């Protein structure tokens, strides 16, 4: 299993620069601790999400100068907001500046992703995204200038120079549960990213669909899971240090992003999406190193397995020093003990739930 970071802003503060600097500081620490990758959200700014980062590639360019080995990518570029040629140019620049450590994440985004600001109809964004990724991949792949004639995009003598360091281009991941996109991801060998609050059953269903799209079906090695993680000296201390901050974060998401909990809630109430309930059901991992290790094993088994686990370590839960200590505990005490976990869960192992 590979381990990385998922940087999603939402630090509940008005000082945007300080919020982004903490994102950078945590990724730099992750680089030093040996985390393999860091994905940075792209969100449209608004009064209720003041520290949203609308341009993750700019942060990646800054991190290129501050890190040595960690791979960096946007999660995700909402392709219908941009001209694909410009996205390909920016990706190539990032890959050059990082020395071949850039990863490219894309997706559709939600209905309130700022389409009206660009004069784009939500109903067309799926088709725009599919056409856009085709143009972007040709920009990466083709050595000579080429023509492109699509429904939404067209051009003559298209070229991207310099090309990405990685040939034919950087690794690509898509955030989706759409069957058409899963089939495209399987055919193109893209990875598939899931939500921070995706239930194990939801991940299992998506991975099974990804594998069954045809002879070129995807594998669980290509599936990425995400969870908020905080490790303290003991279970009780870990909960005491972050529970109230988690409650603030969850209240924000219940108000602005209730869709995050729709599969967990089922027929219940969104008001139930509180720390104790989500912690009980494994939608975040808070506790000692031993407890977090066991919860990850349970999660891996219940979901059927996945290749990469991204940790949400940011937000404003605890102090920066406490979060840094949590990351060190994970890198030193948890990750080495999970080295035996493969991408496919052991179907025989009995897993305790509690």
Protein backbone atom coordinates (compact mmCIF):
# COMPACT_ATOMS: atom_id res chain seq x y z
CA UNK A 1 0.00 0.00 0.00
CA UNK A 2 1.17 3.49 -0.86
CA UNK A 3 0.59 6.44 1.46
CA UNK A 4 0.10 10.09 0.62
CA UNK A 5 -1.59 13.31 1.71
CA UNK A 6 -4.80 14.96 0.61
CA UNK A 7 -4.72 18.74 1.07
CA UNK A 8 -8.25 20.14 1.05
CA UNK A 9 -8.00 23.58 2.72
CA UNK A 10 -11.14 24.30 4.82
CA UNK A 11 -9.20 25.62 7.81
CA UNK A 12 -12.10 27.83 8.93
CA UNK A 13 -10.13 31.05 8.96
CA UNK A 14 -10.08 34.34 7.08
CA UNK A 15 -6.28 34.60 6.75
CA UNK A 16 -5.93 32.91 3.38
CA UNK A 17 -2.14 33.23 3.21
CA UNK A 18 -1.65 31.59 6.61
CA UNK A 19 -4.01 28.76 5.67
CA UNK A 20 -2.15 28.01 2.45
CA UNK A 21 1.24 28.25 4.18
CA UNK A 22 0.12 25.55 6.61
CA UNK A 23 -0.88 23.38 3.65
CA UNK A 24 2.60 23.89 2.23
CA UNK A 25 4.30 23.23 5.58
CA UNK A 26 2.44 19.94 6.03
CA UNK A 27 3.34 18.74 2.53
CA UNK A 28 6.99 19.69 3.08
CA UNK A 29 6.91 17.69 6.32
CA UNK A 30 5.26 14.80 4.48
CA UNK A 31 8.10 14.88 1.95
CA UNK A 32 10.66 14.61 4.75
CA UNK A 33 8.74 11.77 6.40
CA UNK A 34 8.60 9.71 3.22
CA UNK A 35 4.98 10.10 2.11
CA UNK A 36 4.90 9.20 -1.59
CA UNK A 37 2.38 11.70 -2.93
CA UNK A 38 0.32 14.78 -2.11
CA UNK A 39 -2.86 15.80 -3.89
CA UNK A 40 -4.15 19.38 -3.59
CA UNK A 41 -7.81 20.30 -4.04
CA UNK A 42 -9.06 22.82 -6.55
CA UNK A 43 -12.00 24.77 -5.14
CA UNK A 44 -13.71 27.94 -6.29
CA UNK A 45 -13.45 30.66 -3.65
CA UNK A 46 -16.56 31.97 -1.90
CA UNK A 47 -17.38 33.96 1.26
CA UNK A 48 -18.07 30.73 3.15
CA UNK A 49 -14.91 28.99 1.91
CA UNK A 50 -12.42 31.87 2.09
CA UNK A 51 -9.26 29.75 1.90
CA UNK A 52 -10.34 27.76 -1.14
CA UNK A 53 -7.47 27.25 -3.58
CA UNK A 54 -8.72 27.82 -7.15
CA UNK A 55 -5.31 27.12 -8.72
CA UNK A 56 -3.48 24.15 -7.13
CA UNK A 57 -0.81 24.11 -9.84
CA UNK A 58 0.50 27.41 -8.46
CA UNK A 59 1.01 25.80 -5.04
CA UNK A 60 2.64 22.81 -6.73
CA UNK A 61 5.13 25.15 -8.43
CA UNK A 62 6.00 26.58 -5.00
CA UNK A 63 6.34 23.09 -3.54
CA UNK A 64 8.61 22.06 -6.40
CA UNK A 65 11.31 24.25 -4.86
CA UNK A 66 10.70 23.02 -1.29
CA UNK A 67 10.43 19.25 -1.70
CA UNK A 68 12.65 16.48 -3.02
CA UNK A 69 10.79 13.22 -3.55
CA UNK A 70 7.06 13.54 -2.92
CA UNK A 71 4.88 13.45 -6.03
CA UNK A 72 2.42 16.35 -6.41
CA UNK A 73 -0.89 16.73 -8.21
CA UNK A 74 -4.18 18.65 -8.35
CA UNK A 75 -7.28 16.79 -7.17
CA UNK A 76 -8.95 17.63 -9.29
CA UNK A 77 -8.79 20.01 -12.26
CA UNK A 78 -12.42 20.63 -13.29
CA UNK A 79 -11.68 20.42 -16.97
CA UNK A 80 -14.79 22.12 -18.31
CA UNK A 81 -13.74 25.37 -16.59
CA UNK A 82 -10.62 25.71 -18.76
CA UNK A 83 -9.34 25.34 -22.28
CA UNK A 84 -7.61 21.93 -22.38
CA UNK A 85 -4.56 23.30 -24.21
CA UNK A 86 -3.87 25.69 -21.34
CA UNK A 87 -4.31 22.87 -18.81
CA UNK A 88 -1.81 20.73 -20.75
CA UNK A 89 0.70 23.62 -20.89
CA UNK A 90 0.43 24.20 -17.14
CA UNK A 91 0.78 20.49 -16.39
CA UNK A 92 3.92 20.29 -18.53
CA UNK A 93 5.41 23.30 -16.70
CA UNK A 94 4.67 21.68 -13.33
CA UNK A 95 6.24 18.41 -14.46
CA UNK A 96 9.36 20.27 -15.59
CA UNK A 97 9.66 22.25 -12.34
CA UNK A 98 9.16 19.17 -10.16
CA UNK A 99 11.67 17.15 -12.16
CA UNK A 100 9.05 14.60 -13.24
CA UNK A 101 7.09 14.41 -9.97
CA UNK A 102 3.80 15.83 -11.25
CA UNK A 103 0.56 13.84 -11.23
CA UNK A 104 -2.52 14.98 -13.14
CA UNK A 105 -5.94 14.64 -11.53
CA UNK A 106 -9.15 15.60 -13.33
CA UNK A 107 -12.89 15.35 -12.93
CA UNK A 108 -16.18 17.05 -13.63
CA UNK A 109 -16.74 18.92 -10.37
CA UNK A 110 -20.13 19.62 -8.84
CA UNK A 111 -23.13 21.64 -10.06
CA UNK A 112 -22.00 24.70 -8.05
CA UNK A 113 -18.40 24.79 -9.28
CA UNK A 114 -18.62 28.24 -10.87
CA UNK A 115 -19.88 27.25 -14.32
CA UNK A 116 -22.04 30.36 -14.65
CA UNK A 117 -18.99 32.59 -14.25
CA UNK A 118 -17.57 31.04 -17.42
CA UNK A 119 -20.87 30.92 -19.29
CA UNK A 120 -20.78 27.13 -19.22
CA UNK A 121 -23.93 25.00 -18.93
CA UNK A 122 -23.69 22.28 -16.26
CA UNK A 123 -25.43 19.83 -18.60
CA UNK A 124 -22.51 20.06 -21.04
CA UNK A 125 -19.65 19.74 -18.56
CA UNK A 126 -19.39 15.94 -18.72
CA UNK A 127 -18.96 15.89 -22.49
CA UNK A 128 -16.58 18.86 -22.31
CA UNK A 129 -14.46 16.99 -19.77
CA UNK A 130 -14.26 13.81 -21.87
CA UNK A 131 -13.33 15.77 -24.99
CA UNK A 132 -10.88 17.86 -22.98
CA UNK A 133 -8.93 14.91 -21.58
CA UNK A 134 -8.60 13.50 -25.11
CA UNK A 135 -7.05 16.77 -26.29
CA UNK A 136 -4.77 16.99 -23.23
CA UNK A 137 -3.46 13.47 -23.74
CA UNK A 138 -2.72 14.22 -27.39
CA UNK A 139 -0.79 17.29 -26.26
CA UNK A 140 1.29 15.00 -24.04
CA UNK A 141 1.61 12.13 -26.50
CA UNK A 142 2.21 13.63 -29.93
CA UNK A 143 5.66 14.84 -30.89
CA UNK A 144 4.51 16.84 -33.91
CA UNK A 145 1.89 19.61 -34.17
CA UNK A 146 -1.61 18.25 -34.81
CA UNK A 147 -5.10 19.46 -35.66
CA UNK A 148 -8.09 18.91 -33.38
CA UNK A 149 -11.72 19.23 -34.37
CA UNK A 150 -14.17 18.52 -31.57
CA UNK A 151 -17.61 19.59 -30.50
CA UNK A 152 -16.29 22.07 -27.94
CA UNK A 153 -12.61 22.55 -28.81
CA UNK A 154 -10.78 22.95 -32.09
CA UNK A 155 -7.43 24.17 -33.27
CA UNK A 156 -4.71 23.90 -35.88
CA UNK A 157 -1.02 23.05 -35.44
CA UNK A 158 -1.51 22.37 -31.72
CA UNK A 159 1.66 21.67 -29.76
CA UNK A 160 2.94 21.83 -26.19
CA UNK A 161 6.62 22.62 -25.72
CA UNK A 162 8.45 21.81 -23.63
CA UNK A 163 6.86 18.43 -23.15
CA UNK A 164 6.48 16.93 -19.67
CA UNK A 165 9.58 15.25 -18.25
CA UNK A 166 7.59 12.04 -17.87
CA UNK A 167 6.94 10.41 -21.21
CA UNK A 168 4.48 10.18 -22.71
CA UNK A 169 3.03 12.20 -19.84
CA UNK A 170 2.42 12.30 -16.08
CA UNK A 171 0.33 9.62 -14.34
CA UNK A 172 -3.36 10.50 -14.44
CA UNK A 173 -6.19 10.00 -11.94
CA UNK A 174 -9.90 10.73 -12.22
CA UNK A 175 -12.41 11.35 -9.44
CA UNK A 176 -15.64 9.72 -10.57
CA UNK A 177 -18.26 7.08 -10.07
CA UNK A 178 -19.65 7.57 -13.57
CA UNK A 179 -19.64 4.29 -15.57
CA UNK A 180 -18.53 6.02 -18.77
CA UNK A 181 -15.57 7.61 -17.02
CA UNK A 182 -14.69 4.38 -15.20
CA UNK A 183 -14.53 2.64 -18.58
CA UNK A 184 -12.34 5.44 -19.94
CA UNK A 185 -10.09 5.23 -16.86
CA UNK A 186 -9.72 1.47 -17.22
CA UNK A 187 -8.90 1.74 -20.94
CA UNK A 188 -6.40 4.57 -20.42
CA UNK A 189 -4.87 3.06 -17.24
CA UNK A 190 -5.89 6.01 -15.09
CA UNK A 191 -6.15 5.71 -11.33
CA UNK A 192 -9.53 6.33 -9.67
CA UNK A 193 -9.92 8.56 -6.62
CA UNK A 194 -12.67 8.27 -4.00
CA UNK A 195 -14.10 10.69 -1.45
CA UNK A 196 -12.83 11.31 2.08
CA UNK A 197 -16.24 10.22 3.41
CA UNK A 198 -16.84 7.31 1.03
CA UNK A 199 -18.06 4.25 2.91
CA UNK A 200 -16.23 0.92 2.52
CA UNK A 201 -19.28 -0.43 0.70
CA UNK A 202 -19.21 2.51 -1.72
CA UNK A 203 -15.51 1.92 -2.47
CA UNK A 204 -16.10 -1.81 -2.95
CA UNK A 205 -18.93 -1.11 -5.40
CA UNK A 206 -16.85 1.40 -7.37
CA UNK A 207 -13.80 -0.91 -7.51
CA UNK A 208 -15.96 -3.81 -8.67
CA UNK A 209 -17.49 -1.64 -11.40
CA UNK A 210 -14.02 -0.43 -12.41
CA UNK A 211 -12.83 -4.03 -12.76
CA UNK A 212 -15.86 -5.19 -14.75
CA UNK A 213 -15.96 -2.65 -17.58
CA UNK A 214 -14.47 -5.11 -20.07
CA UNK A 215 -11.25 -6.90 -20.99
CA UNK A 216 -9.27 -3.81 -20.00
CA UNK A 217 -10.89 -3.54 -16.59
CA UNK A 218 -9.11 -1.62 -13.85
CA UNK A 219 -7.54 -3.09 -10.74
CA UNK A 220 -7.72 -2.30 -7.03
CA UNK A 221 -4.10 -1.20 -7.25
CA UNK A 222 -5.44 1.79 -9.21
CA UNK A 223 -8.01 2.75 -6.55
CA UNK A 224 -7.21 5.53 -4.07
CA UNK A 225 -8.99 5.91 -0.73
CA UNK A 226 -8.95 8.99 1.52
CA UNK A 227 -9.40 9.34 5.29
CA UNK A 228 -8.87 11.99 7.95
CA UNK A 229 -6.18 10.68 10.33
CA UNK A 230 -4.95 11.92 13.69
CA UNK A 231 -2.68 9.91 16.01
CA UNK A 232 -2.13 10.84 19.63
CA UNK A 233 -0.22 9.25 22.49
CA UNK A 234 -3.35 7.32 23.52
CA UNK A 235 -6.87 6.89 22.19
CA UNK A 236 -8.28 9.18 24.87
CA UNK A 237 -5.71 11.92 24.30
CA UNK A 238 -6.15 11.81 20.54
CA UNK A 239 -9.93 12.23 20.80
CA UNK A 240 -9.61 14.97 23.43
CA UNK A 241 -7.16 16.93 21.28
CA UNK A 242 -9.26 17.05 18.11
CA UNK A 243 -12.92 16.17 18.75
CA UNK A 244 -14.19 19.75 19.14
CA UNK A 245 -12.30 20.86 16.01
CA UNK A 246 -13.66 17.89 14.08
CA UNK A 247 -17.18 18.87 15.16
CA UNK A 248 -16.62 22.36 13.73
CA UNK A 249 -15.37 20.86 10.47
CA UNK A 250 -18.31 18.45 10.25
CA UNK A 251 -20.84 21.21 10.95
CA UNK A 252 -19.37 23.17 8.04
CA UNK A 253 -19.67 20.16 5.74
CA UNK A 254 -23.22 19.34 6.87
CA UNK A 255 -24.21 22.89 5.91
CA UNK A 256 -22.31 23.35 2.65
CA UNK A 257 -21.45 19.83 1.40
CA UNK A 258 -24.19 17.47 2.70
CA UNK A 259 -23.67 15.32 -0.41
CA UNK A 260 -20.45 14.09 1.26
CA UNK A 261 -22.54 12.04 3.68
CA UNK A 262 -25.38 10.83 1.47
CA UNK A 263 -24.20 7.22 1.23
CA UNK A 264 -23.36 6.98 4.93
CA UNK A 265 -26.66 8.56 6.00
CA UNK A 266 -28.86 6.39 3.78
CA UNK A 267 -32.38 6.81 5.11
CA UNK A 268 -31.15 8.63 8.21
CA UNK A 269 -30.62 12.29 8.98
CA UNK A 270 -27.69 14.43 7.87
CA UNK A 271 -27.68 15.79 11.43
CA UNK A 272 -26.24 12.43 12.52
CA UNK A 273 -22.96 13.18 10.69
CA UNK A 274 -21.14 14.00 13.92
CA UNK A 275 -17.76 12.96 15.28
CA UNK A 276 -18.82 10.07 17.49
CA UNK A 277 -20.93 8.44 14.79
CA UNK A 278 -18.46 8.85 11.92
CA UNK A 279 -15.56 7.83 14.16
CA UNK A 280 -17.47 4.71 15.21
CA UNK A 281 -18.14 3.80 11.57
CA UNK A 282 -14.57 4.38 10.38
CA UNK A 283 -15.05 7.50 8.28
CA UNK A 284 -12.08 8.99 10.11
CA UNK A 285 -9.27 7.40 12.15
CA UNK A 286 -8.44 9.06 15.48
CA UNK A 287 -6.53 7.28 18.24
CA UNK A 288 -3.21 5.77 19.20
CA UNK A 289 -0.85 4.37 16.59
CA UNK A 290 -2.05 0.85 17.39
CA UNK A 291 -5.70 1.80 17.04
CA UNK A 292 -5.21 3.67 13.78
CA UNK A 293 -3.29 0.74 12.31
CA UNK A 294 -6.13 -1.63 13.17
CA UNK A 295 -8.80 0.74 11.83
CA UNK A 296 -6.93 1.01 8.51
CA UNK A 297 -6.76 -2.77 8.29
CA UNK A 298 -10.50 -2.99 8.97
CA UNK A 299 -11.22 -0.33 6.36
CA UNK A 300 -9.02 -2.04 3.76
CA UNK A 301 -10.74 -5.36 4.37
CA UNK A 302 -14.30 -3.99 4.39
CA UNK A 303 -13.75 -2.08 1.12
CA UNK A 304 -12.21 -5.06 -0.65
CA UNK A 305 -8.82 -3.33 -0.88
CA UNK A 306 -7.18 -0.37 -2.60
CA UNK A 307 -3.69 0.60 -3.73
CA UNK A 308 -3.21 4.02 -2.11
CA UNK A 309 -4.42 5.65 1.10
CA UNK A 310 -4.34 9.44 1.28
CA UNK A 311 -4.36 11.03 4.72
CA UNK A 312 -6.16 14.27 5.46
CA UNK A 313 -3.86 15.70 8.14
CA UNK A 314 -4.67 19.38 7.83
CA UNK A 315 -7.69 21.39 8.84
CA UNK A 316 -7.57 23.19 12.18
CA UNK A 317 -7.87 20.16 14.44
CA UNK A 318 -5.25 20.47 17.16
CA UNK A 319 -2.23 22.71 16.82
CA UNK A 320 0.29 22.53 13.98
CA UNK A 321 2.79 20.87 16.35
CA UNK A 322 0.20 18.27 17.32
CA UNK A 323 -0.60 17.54 13.68
CA UNK A 324 3.11 17.27 12.87
CA UNK A 325 3.55 14.81 15.74
CA UNK A 326 0.60 12.80 14.41
CA UNK A 327 2.18 12.63 10.95
CA UNK A 328 5.48 11.46 12.44
CA UNK A 329 3.72 8.75 14.45
CA UNK A 330 2.02 7.53 11.28
CA UNK A 331 5.25 7.47 9.28
CA UNK A 332 7.30 5.80 12.03
CA UNK A 333 4.82 3.59 13.86
CA UNK A 334 1.96 2.79 11.48
CA UNK A 335 3.14 2.78 7.86
CA UNK A 336 5.93 0.22 8.43
CA UNK A 337 3.47 -2.20 10.05
CA UNK A 338 1.13 -1.96 7.07
CA UNK A 339 3.82 -3.00 4.59
CA UNK A 340 2.23 -6.46 4.37
CA UNK A 341 -1.06 -5.18 2.98
CA UNK A 342 -1.62 -5.74 -0.72
CA UNK A 343 -4.08 -3.97 -2.97
CA UNK A 344 -6.61 -6.82 -2.70
CA UNK A 345 -8.06 -7.52 0.74
CA UNK A 346 -7.64 -10.98 2.24
CA UNK A 347 -11.11 -12.57 1.96
CA UNK A 348 -10.42 -15.00 4.81
CA UNK A 349 -9.33 -12.62 7.56
CA UNK A 350 -11.92 -11.99 10.27
CA UNK A 351 -12.19 -8.29 11.09
CA UNK A 352 -13.42 -6.91 14.40
CA UNK A 353 -15.73 -3.89 14.24
CA UNK A 354 -16.45 -1.57 17.13
